[in-house]
Amino acid sequence: MNFAAISLLVLVGIVVIAVLYAVGIYNRLVTLRNLFRNAFAQIDVQLKRRYDLIPNLVETAKAYMKHEREALEAVIAARNQAAGAEKRAAAEPGNAQAMALLSGAESALSGALGRLFALAEAYPDLKANQTMMQLSEELTSTENRVAFARQAFNDAVMTYNTACEVFPGVLVAGSFGFLSATLLEIETAARVAPRVSFS
């Protein structure tokens, strides 16, 4: 074999190795993107469970809190707003605008629930109601599940973003349109589950 043929074979070998390496990086980015989307799906499940509990909670409270109509309506309005934001975020997990909308809506919902539970303290019969106690316990449990799911989502987003930003991943990510994802951060006041103790 002459020098030109050997040089051509080495060059072809280098190109093949580079292409295979780029394919490996691309596949890893796809896998990581799917992992953070799946992690958001877990948040989605828990948020829907939370949204389904709230109307039952309000209906139970309504029978006792006839004079607190404004607080009850505020909870339902906040729940509806959060459910709408959650649908948008589920369609685009990691999108900065969708995550900001969901974060704000969840903070507003937690605030409205907190006000409802504070008002419920003034109604001893409501505090002793078995349905209310059960719903409150389920809501607290769901809040904890949302927190754990949010942690898993944020970890998956961080891993994905890191893979997109380090070399040589940044070359593949930029070439194939892998955009950075946004963490789901809920304001400090909303990170504490609403106080739902009725004992």
Protein backbone atom coordinates (compact mmCIF):
# COMPACT_ATOMS: atom_id res chain seq x y z
CA MET A 1 0.00 0.00 0.00
CA ASN A 2 1.24 3.40 -0.77
CA PHE A 3 1.30 6.38 1.53
CA ALA A 4 -1.76 8.04 -0.09
CA ALA A 5 -3.94 4.95 0.47
CA ILE A 6 -2.85 4.64 4.11
CA SER A 7 -3.50 8.34 4.68
CA LEU A 8 -6.96 8.01 3.13
CA LEU A 9 -7.80 5.01 5.33
CA VAL A 10 -6.63 6.84 8.47
CA LEU A 11 -8.66 9.90 7.50
CA VAL A 12 -11.78 7.80 6.82
CA GLY A 13 -11.24 6.01 10.16
CA ILE A 14 -10.99 9.33 12.02
CA VAL A 15 -14.18 10.60 10.34
CA VAL A 16 -16.06 7.39 11.18
CA ILE A 17 -14.94 7.58 14.82
CA ALA A 18 -15.95 11.26 15.02
CA VAL A 19 -19.37 10.53 13.53
CA LEU A 20 -19.95 7.61 15.91
CA TYR A 21 -18.89 9.79 18.85
CA ALA A 22 -21.30 12.54 17.76
CA VAL A 23 -24.10 9.98 17.40
CA GLY A 24 -23.35 8.75 20.94
CA ILE A 25 -23.54 12.30 22.30
CA TYR A 26 -26.79 12.94 20.40
CA ASN A 27 -28.35 9.76 21.77
CA ARG A 28 -27.29 10.68 25.31
CA LEU A 29 -28.88 14.13 24.98
CA VAL A 30 -32.12 12.57 23.70
CA THR A 31 -32.10 10.13 26.63
CA LEU A 32 -31.51 12.91 29.17
CA ARG A 33 -34.23 15.09 27.61
CA ASN A 34 -36.68 12.18 27.83
CA LEU A 35 -35.70 11.59 31.46
CA PHE A 36 -36.50 15.15 32.51
CA ARG A 37 -39.77 15.04 30.56
CA ASN A 38 -40.67 11.83 32.36
CA ALA A 39 -39.72 13.44 35.67
CA PHE A 40 -42.14 16.28 34.90
CA ALA A 41 -44.83 13.72 34.12
CA GLN A 42 -44.46 12.51 37.72
CA ILE A 43 -45.05 16.07 38.97
CA ASP A 44 -48.01 16.27 36.60
CA VAL A 45 -49.62 13.19 38.18
CA GLN A 46 -49.29 14.59 41.70
CA LEU A 47 -50.51 18.07 40.73
CA LYS A 48 -53.60 16.60 39.08
CA ARG A 49 -54.25 14.59 42.23
CA ARG A 50 -53.92 17.80 44.24
CA TYR A 51 -56.27 19.67 41.91
CA ASP A 52 -58.83 16.87 42.20
CA LEU A 53 -58.75 17.02 46.02
CA ILE A 54 -59.31 20.76 46.26
CA PRO A 55 -62.96 20.91 45.05
CA ASN A 56 -63.89 18.19 47.57
CA LEU A 57 -62.11 20.13 50.30
CA VAL A 58 -63.94 23.33 49.37
CA GLU A 59 -67.32 21.57 49.21
CA THR A 60 -66.75 20.09 52.66
CA ALA A 61 -65.72 23.47 54.06
CA LYS A 62 -68.59 25.28 52.34
CA ALA A 63 -71.17 23.58 54.54
CA TYR A 64 -69.50 25.03 57.66
CA MET A 65 -68.02 28.27 56.38
CA LYS A 66 -71.08 29.97 54.91
CA HIS A 67 -69.70 33.42 55.66
CA GLU A 68 -66.31 32.75 54.06
CA ARG A 69 -67.50 32.55 50.45
CA GLU A 70 -64.73 34.85 49.21
CA ALA A 71 -61.98 32.60 50.59
CA LEU A 72 -63.61 29.51 49.10
CA GLU A 73 -63.96 31.16 45.69
CA ALA A 74 -60.33 32.32 45.84
CA VAL A 75 -59.19 28.72 46.36
CA ILE A 76 -61.23 27.48 43.39
CA ALA A 77 -59.99 30.34 41.18
CA ALA A 78 -56.38 29.67 42.17
CA ARG A 79 -56.87 25.95 41.56
CA ASN A 80 -58.24 26.59 38.07
CA GLN A 81 -55.38 28.93 37.25
CA ALA A 82 -52.83 26.39 38.49
CA ALA A 83 -54.48 23.59 36.50
CA GLY A 84 -54.25 25.69 33.33
CA ALA A 85 -50.60 26.51 33.98
CA GLU A 86 -49.90 22.84 34.67
CA LYS A 87 -51.37 21.83 31.29
CA ARG A 88 -49.11 24.30 29.50
CA ALA A 89 -46.06 23.15 31.45
CA ALA A 90 -46.92 19.50 30.71
CA ALA A 91 -46.95 20.32 27.01
CA GLU A 92 -43.52 22.00 27.25
CA PRO A 93 -41.64 20.71 30.30
CA GLY A 94 -38.51 22.74 30.84
CA ASN A 95 -39.78 25.78 28.91
CA ALA A 96 -38.83 28.88 30.91
CA GLN A 97 -42.13 30.71 30.41
CA ALA A 98 -44.25 27.63 31.16
CA MET A 99 -42.23 26.88 34.31
CA ALA A 100 -42.54 30.49 35.51
CA LEU A 101 -46.31 30.44 34.94
CA LEU A 102 -46.66 27.15 36.82
CA SER A 103 -44.47 28.35 39.66
CA GLY A 104 -46.51 31.53 40.09
CA ALA A 105 -49.82 29.69 39.88
CA GLU A 106 -48.71 27.08 42.43
CA SER A 107 -47.55 29.81 44.80
CA ALA A 108 -50.93 31.55 44.50
CA LEU A 109 -52.77 28.27 45.09
CA SER A 110 -50.70 27.45 48.16
CA GLY A 111 -51.38 30.93 49.52
CA ALA A 112 -55.14 30.58 48.96
CA LEU A 113 -55.13 27.15 50.62
CA GLY A 114 -53.17 28.55 53.54
CA ARG A 115 -55.76 31.31 54.02
CA LEU A 116 -58.58 28.75 53.82
CA PHE A 117 -56.99 26.57 56.50
CA ALA A 118 -56.35 29.60 58.69
CA LEU A 119 -60.03 30.53 58.45
CA ALA A 120 -61.06 26.92 59.12
CA GLU A 121 -59.39 27.11 62.53
CA ALA A 122 -62.32 29.28 63.66
CA TYR A 123 -64.84 26.49 62.92
CA PRO A 124 -64.52 23.67 65.50
CA ASP A 125 -67.15 21.50 63.81
CA LEU A 126 -65.25 21.73 60.53
CA LYS A 127 -61.97 20.86 62.24
CA ALA A 128 -63.63 17.74 63.70
CA ASN A 129 -65.28 16.67 60.43
CA GLN A 130 -63.93 13.25 59.39
CA THR A 131 -64.08 14.03 55.65
CA MET A 132 -62.22 17.28 56.16
CA MET A 133 -59.53 15.56 58.21
CA GLN A 134 -59.12 12.84 55.57
CA LEU A 135 -58.94 15.34 52.71
CA SER A 136 -56.44 17.41 54.66
CA GLU A 137 -54.25 14.37 55.22
CA GLU A 138 -54.41 13.43 51.54
CA LEU A 139 -53.54 16.99 50.56
CA THR A 140 -50.53 17.01 52.89
CA SER A 141 -49.38 13.68 51.47
CA THR A 142 -49.77 15.01 47.94
CA GLU A 143 -47.80 18.15 48.80
CA ASN A 144 -44.93 15.93 49.95
CA ARG A 145 -45.12 13.87 46.76
CA VAL A 146 -45.05 17.02 44.64
CA ALA A 147 -41.93 18.18 46.50
CA PHE A 148 -40.15 14.86 45.88
CA ALA A 149 -41.21 14.79 42.21
CA ARG A 150 -40.05 18.40 41.77
CA GLN A 151 -36.66 17.47 43.24
CA ALA A 152 -36.31 14.56 40.78
CA PHE A 153 -37.34 16.82 37.88
CA ASN A 154 -34.86 19.52 38.84
CA ASP A 155 -32.08 16.92 39.16
CA ALA A 156 -32.91 15.53 35.70
CA VAL A 157 -32.98 19.05 34.21
CA MET A 158 -29.61 19.86 35.78
CA THR A 159 -28.05 16.68 34.33
CA TYR A 160 -29.52 17.44 30.89
CA ASN A 161 -28.40 21.07 30.95
CA THR A 162 -24.89 20.07 32.02
CA ALA A 163 -24.67 17.57 29.14
CA CYS A 164 -25.79 20.32 26.74
CA GLU A 165 -23.25 22.83 28.05
CA VAL A 166 -20.03 20.82 28.38
CA PHE A 167 -17.65 20.17 25.54
CA PRO A 168 -18.15 18.35 23.15
CA GLY A 169 -21.86 18.04 23.99
CA VAL A 170 -22.33 21.76 23.39
CA LEU A 171 -21.38 21.27 19.72
CA VAL A 172 -23.97 18.54 19.20
CA ALA A 173 -26.62 20.30 21.30
CA GLY A 174 -26.21 23.52 19.36
CA SER A 175 -26.23 21.75 16.02
CA PHE A 176 -29.39 19.76 16.70
CA GLY A 177 -31.43 22.33 18.63
CA PHE A 178 -31.22 20.93 22.16
CA LEU A 179 -32.31 23.92 24.23
CA SER A 180 -31.60 24.40 27.92
CA ALA A 181 -34.45 23.42 30.20
CA THR A 182 -35.65 25.48 33.16
CA LEU A 183 -35.91 24.24 36.72
CA LEU A 184 -39.27 24.27 38.47
CA GLU A 185 -38.78 26.57 41.42
CA ILE A 186 -41.67 27.51 43.65
CA GLU A 187 -41.32 30.54 45.89
CA THR A 188 -40.25 29.94 49.49
CA ALA A 189 -43.71 30.56 50.93
CA ALA A 190 -45.18 27.83 48.73
CA ARG A 191 -42.51 25.27 49.59
CA VAL A 192 -44.06 24.71 52.97
CA ALA A 193 -47.13 22.53 52.71
CA PRO A 194 -50.22 24.34 53.97
CA ARG A 195 -50.97 23.66 57.62
CA VAL A 196 -53.83 21.21 57.61
CA SER A 197 -53.90 19.87 61.15
CA PHE A 198 -57.44 19.71 62.53
CA SER A 199 -56.69 18.06 65.84
